[in-house]
């Protein structure tokens, strides 16, 4: 098993004071205390990992590379822009 790194996001960064869990070049941040604990358990405890693997995920919360997280943010931003544009059309 690869090492798991748990860190507190420093002041000045988005989600300061929340937790970041990293393993194998992937991460999930902006986790509360209980979410961070659940994530660590899900990454380390055998039966939980097997059950979650059936769901197609490698942890309780998704673990992605920084590039994958950026692509997800870009996808969500594009979807929001489309919804705003459609609302403008509907209003016209």
Foldseek 3Di string as FASTA:
>chain_A
DFDKDKDAADPPDPLGRWIWIDGPQWIDTNHHPVRVVQFVCCQPPPVSQVVVVVVVARTPDHTGHPVVVVVVVVVVVVVVVVVVVVVVVVVD
